[in-house]
Amino acid sequence: VTGVQLEKGSTATDFEYVDYGRQLQMCQRFYSVLTDLWGDTGSTSNYRFMVRYAFPVTMRANPTVTLNSVSLTRMQTPAVNRTSKDGTHIFSRLTETTTDAYWVINNMTMEAEL
């Protein structure tokens, strides 16, 4: 159903049309889902690995970030730290000295509900 607007009281106001892209941005300030974020060590044997992820829009508050369904190869489970309204850092460590390690976050949620 489209083209419907609920009003409080008995006086009608002009219909407010918000295009899909703008409505999505307004919703993403409260909740967003990311699928298939990956990180790898490349050609380093450093035991520490960190990636910064910038949110699609600035959240309304610092969100709770949850990593769901993570796949690992020679890395510890990634952890989230230093989260702000604009993005977060995802940190992990290698489980062994190697230049071939990676993780894939199949689903990550960012929630800044009221």
C-alpha atoms as a PDB file:
ATOM      1  CA  VAL A   1       0.000   0.000   0.000  1.00  0.00           C
ATOM      2  CA  THR A   2       1.396   3.388  -0.973  1.00  0.00           C
ATOM      3  CA  GLY A   3       0.060   6.925  -1.001  1.00  0.00           C
ATOM      4  CA  VAL A   4      -1.380   6.687   2.516  1.00  0.00           C
ATOM      5  CA  GLN A   5      -0.603   9.115   5.327  1.00  0.00           C
ATOM      6  CA  LEU A   6      -2.002   8.885   8.850  1.00  0.00           C
ATOM      7  CA  GLU A   7      -2.817  12.118  10.661  1.00  0.00           C
ATOM      8  CA  LYS A   8      -3.326  12.881  14.331  1.00  0.00           C
ATOM      9  CA  GLY A   9      -6.428  14.997  14.918  1.00  0.00           C
ATOM     10  CA  SER A  10      -9.020  16.166  12.415  1.00  0.00           C
ATOM     11  CA  THR A  11      -6.899  18.440  10.203  1.00  0.00           C
ATOM     12  CA  ALA A  12      -5.194  16.972   7.142  1.00  0.00           C
ATOM     13  CA  THR A  13      -1.784  18.227   6.024  1.00  0.00           C
ATOM     14  CA  ASP A  14      -0.149  18.040   2.604  1.00  0.00           C
ATOM     15  CA  PHE A  15       1.043  14.585   1.612  1.00  0.00           C
ATOM     16  CA  GLU A  16       4.722  14.079   2.397  1.00  0.00           C
ATOM     17  CA  TYR A  17       6.492  12.074  -0.300  1.00  0.00           C
ATOM     18  CA  VAL A  18       9.947  10.704   0.581  1.00  0.00           C
ATOM     19  CA  ASP A  19      11.830   8.905  -2.201  1.00  0.00           C
ATOM     20  CA  TYR A  20      13.081   5.363  -1.585  1.00  0.00           C
ATOM     21  CA  GLY A  21      16.782   6.284  -1.299  1.00  0.00           C
ATOM     22  CA  ARG A  22      16.147   8.969   1.306  1.00  0.00           C
ATOM     23  CA  GLN A  23      13.774   6.700   3.281  1.00  0.00           C
ATOM     24  CA  LEU A  24      16.438   3.947   3.291  1.00  0.00           C
ATOM     25  CA  GLN A  25      19.050   6.392   4.618  1.00  0.00           C
ATOM     26  CA  MET A  26      16.699   7.500   7.397  1.00  0.00           C
ATOM     27  CA  CYS A  27      16.093   3.856   8.381  1.00  0.00           C
ATOM     28  CA  GLN A  28      19.809   2.976   8.263  1.00  0.00           C
ATOM     29  CA  ARG A  29      20.458   5.571  10.982  1.00  0.00           C
ATOM     30  CA  PHE A  30      18.753   3.077  13.340  1.00  0.00           C
ATOM     31  CA  TYR A  31      19.547  -0.352  11.868  1.00  0.00           C
ATOM     32  CA  SER A  32      21.708  -1.733   9.075  1.00  0.00           C
ATOM     33  CA  VAL A  33      22.853  -5.172   7.904  1.00  0.00           C
ATOM     34  CA  LEU A  34      26.051  -5.961   6.038  1.00  0.00           C
ATOM     35  CA  THR A  35      26.720  -9.275   4.313  1.00  0.00           C
ATOM     36  CA  ASP A  36      30.003 -10.763   3.154  1.00  0.00           C
ATOM     37  CA  LEU A  37      32.642  -8.514   4.677  1.00  0.00           C
ATOM     38  CA  TRP A  38      36.058 -10.159   4.452  1.00  0.00           C
ATOM     39  CA  GLY A  39      39.589  -9.445   5.532  1.00  0.00           C
ATOM     40  CA  ASP A  40      42.874 -11.161   4.837  1.00  0.00           C
ATOM     41  CA  THR A  41      46.480 -10.763   5.883  1.00  0.00           C
ATOM     42  CA  GLY A  42      47.832 -10.359   2.364  1.00  0.00           C
ATOM     43  CA  SER A  43      51.595 -10.836   2.343  1.00  0.00           C
ATOM     44  CA  THR A  44      52.282 -10.149   6.007  1.00  0.00           C
ATOM     45  CA  SER A  45      53.113 -12.492   8.833  1.00  0.00           C
ATOM     46  CA  ASN A  46      52.078  -9.942  11.471  1.00  0.00           C
ATOM     47  CA  TYR A  47      50.012 -11.624  14.175  1.00  0.00           C
ATOM     48  CA  ARG A  48      47.554  -8.718  14.393  1.00  0.00           C
ATOM     49  CA  PHE A  49      44.991  -7.692  11.835  1.00  0.00           C
ATOM     50  CA  MET A  50      42.504  -4.800  11.865  1.00  0.00           C
ATOM     51  CA  VAL A  51      40.079  -3.395   9.301  1.00  0.00           C
ATOM     52  CA  ARG A  52      37.903  -0.294   9.553  1.00  0.00           C
ATOM     53  CA  TYR A  53      34.361  -0.428   8.228  1.00  0.00           C
ATOM     54  CA  ALA A  54      32.522   2.847   7.538  1.00  0.00           C
ATOM     55  CA  PHE A  55      28.755   2.622   7.990  1.00  0.00           C
ATOM     56  CA  PRO A  56      26.583   3.473   4.951  1.00  0.00           C
ATOM     57  CA  VAL A  57      25.188   6.528   6.805  1.00  0.00           C
ATOM     58  CA  THR A  58      25.972   8.188  10.133  1.00  0.00           C
ATOM     59  CA  MET A  59      24.021   6.300  12.818  1.00  0.00           C
ATOM     60  CA  ARG A  60      21.815   8.229  15.267  1.00  0.00           C
ATOM     61  CA  ALA A  61      24.001   7.025  18.184  1.00  0.00           C
ATOM     62  CA  ASN A  62      26.946   4.685  18.689  1.00  0.00           C
ATOM     63  CA  PRO A  63      25.437   1.377  17.573  1.00  0.00           C
ATOM     64  CA  THR A  64      25.698  -2.113  18.956  1.00  0.00           C
ATOM     65  CA  VAL A  65      27.614  -4.098  16.336  1.00  0.00           C
ATOM     66  CA  THR A  66      27.052  -7.851  16.201  1.00  0.00           C
ATOM     67  CA  LEU A  67      29.087 -10.253  14.078  1.00  0.00           C
ATOM     68  CA  ASN A  68      27.035 -13.256  12.973  1.00  0.00           C
ATOM     69  CA  SER A  69      28.099 -16.294  10.974  1.00  0.00           C
ATOM     70  CA  VAL A  70      31.862 -15.801  10.762  1.00  0.00           C
ATOM     71  CA  SER A  71      34.115 -18.080   8.668  1.00  0.00           C
ATOM     72  CA  LEU A  72      37.789 -18.319   9.686  1.00  0.00           C
ATOM     73  CA  THR A  73      41.005 -19.640   8.195  1.00  0.00           C
ATOM     74  CA  ARG A  74      44.015 -19.515  10.563  1.00  0.00           C
ATOM     75  CA  MET A  75      42.582 -16.520  12.439  1.00  0.00           C
ATOM     76  CA  GLN A  76      40.875 -16.002  15.785  1.00  0.00           C
ATOM     77  CA  THR A  77      37.242 -14.916  15.884  1.00  0.00           C
ATOM     78  CA  PRO A  78      37.183 -11.203  15.045  1.00  0.00           C
ATOM     79  CA  ALA A  79      36.109  -8.686  17.673  1.00  0.00           C
ATOM     80  CA  VAL A  80      34.579  -5.233  17.300  1.00  0.00           C
ATOM     81  CA  ASN A  81      36.193  -2.230  18.960  1.00  0.00           C
ATOM     82  CA  ARG A  82      36.353   1.568  18.673  1.00  0.00           C
ATOM     83  CA  THR A  83      32.809   1.900  17.316  1.00  0.00           C
ATOM     84  CA  SER A  84      31.440   5.367  16.622  1.00  0.00           C
ATOM     85  CA  LYS A  85      28.376   6.691  14.808  1.00  0.00           C
ATOM     86  CA  ASP A  86      30.403   6.631  11.572  1.00  0.00           C
ATOM     87  CA  GLY A  87      32.063   3.221  11.644  1.00  0.00           C
ATOM     88  CA  THR A  88      33.815   0.478  13.561  1.00  0.00           C
ATOM     89  CA  HIS A  89      37.107  -1.413  13.680  1.00  0.00           C
ATOM     90  CA  ILE A  90      37.215  -5.193  13.432  1.00  0.00           C
ATOM     91  CA  PHE A  91      40.258  -6.784  15.019  1.00  0.00           C
ATOM     92  CA  SER A  92      41.656 -10.317  14.863  1.00  0.00           C
ATOM     93  CA  ARG A  93      44.864 -12.243  15.442  1.00  0.00           C
ATOM     94  CA  LEU A  94      46.490 -15.020  13.482  1.00  0.00           C
ATOM     95  CA  THR A  95      46.495 -18.456  15.036  1.00  0.00           C
ATOM     96  CA  GLU A  96      49.844 -19.299  13.416  1.00  0.00           C
ATOM     97  CA  THR A  97      52.611 -17.619  11.435  1.00  0.00           C
ATOM     98  CA  THR A  98      51.351 -17.548   7.873  1.00  0.00           C
ATOM     99  CA  THR A  99      50.753 -15.253   4.940  1.00  0.00           C
ATOM    100  CA  ASP A 100      47.508 -16.976   4.007  1.00  0.00           C
ATOM    101  CA  ALA A 101      44.855 -16.238   6.622  1.00  0.00           C
ATOM    102  CA  TYR A 102      41.433 -14.639   6.340  1.00  0.00           C
ATOM    103  CA  TRP A 103      37.987 -14.253   7.835  1.00  0.00           C
ATOM    104  CA  VAL A 104      34.576 -13.667   6.275  1.00  0.00           C
ATOM    105  CA  ILE A 105      31.739 -12.084   8.209  1.00  0.00           C
ATOM    106  CA  ASN A 106      28.667 -13.443   6.472  1.00  0.00           C
ATOM    107  CA  ASN A 107      26.334 -11.154   8.407  1.00  0.00           C
ATOM    108  CA  MET A 108      26.979  -8.090  10.584  1.00  0.00           C
ATOM    109  CA  THR A 109      24.263  -5.952  12.171  1.00  0.00           C
ATOM    110  CA  MET A 110      24.535  -2.355  13.390  1.00  0.00           C
ATOM    111  CA  GLU A 111      21.735  -1.332  15.749  1.00  0.00           C
ATOM    112  CA  ALA A 112      21.141   2.129  17.245  1.00  0.00           C
ATOM    113  CA  GLU A 113      17.501   1.772  18.254  1.00  0.00           C
ATOM    114  CA  LEU A 114      15.813   4.310  20.507  1.00  0.00           C
END
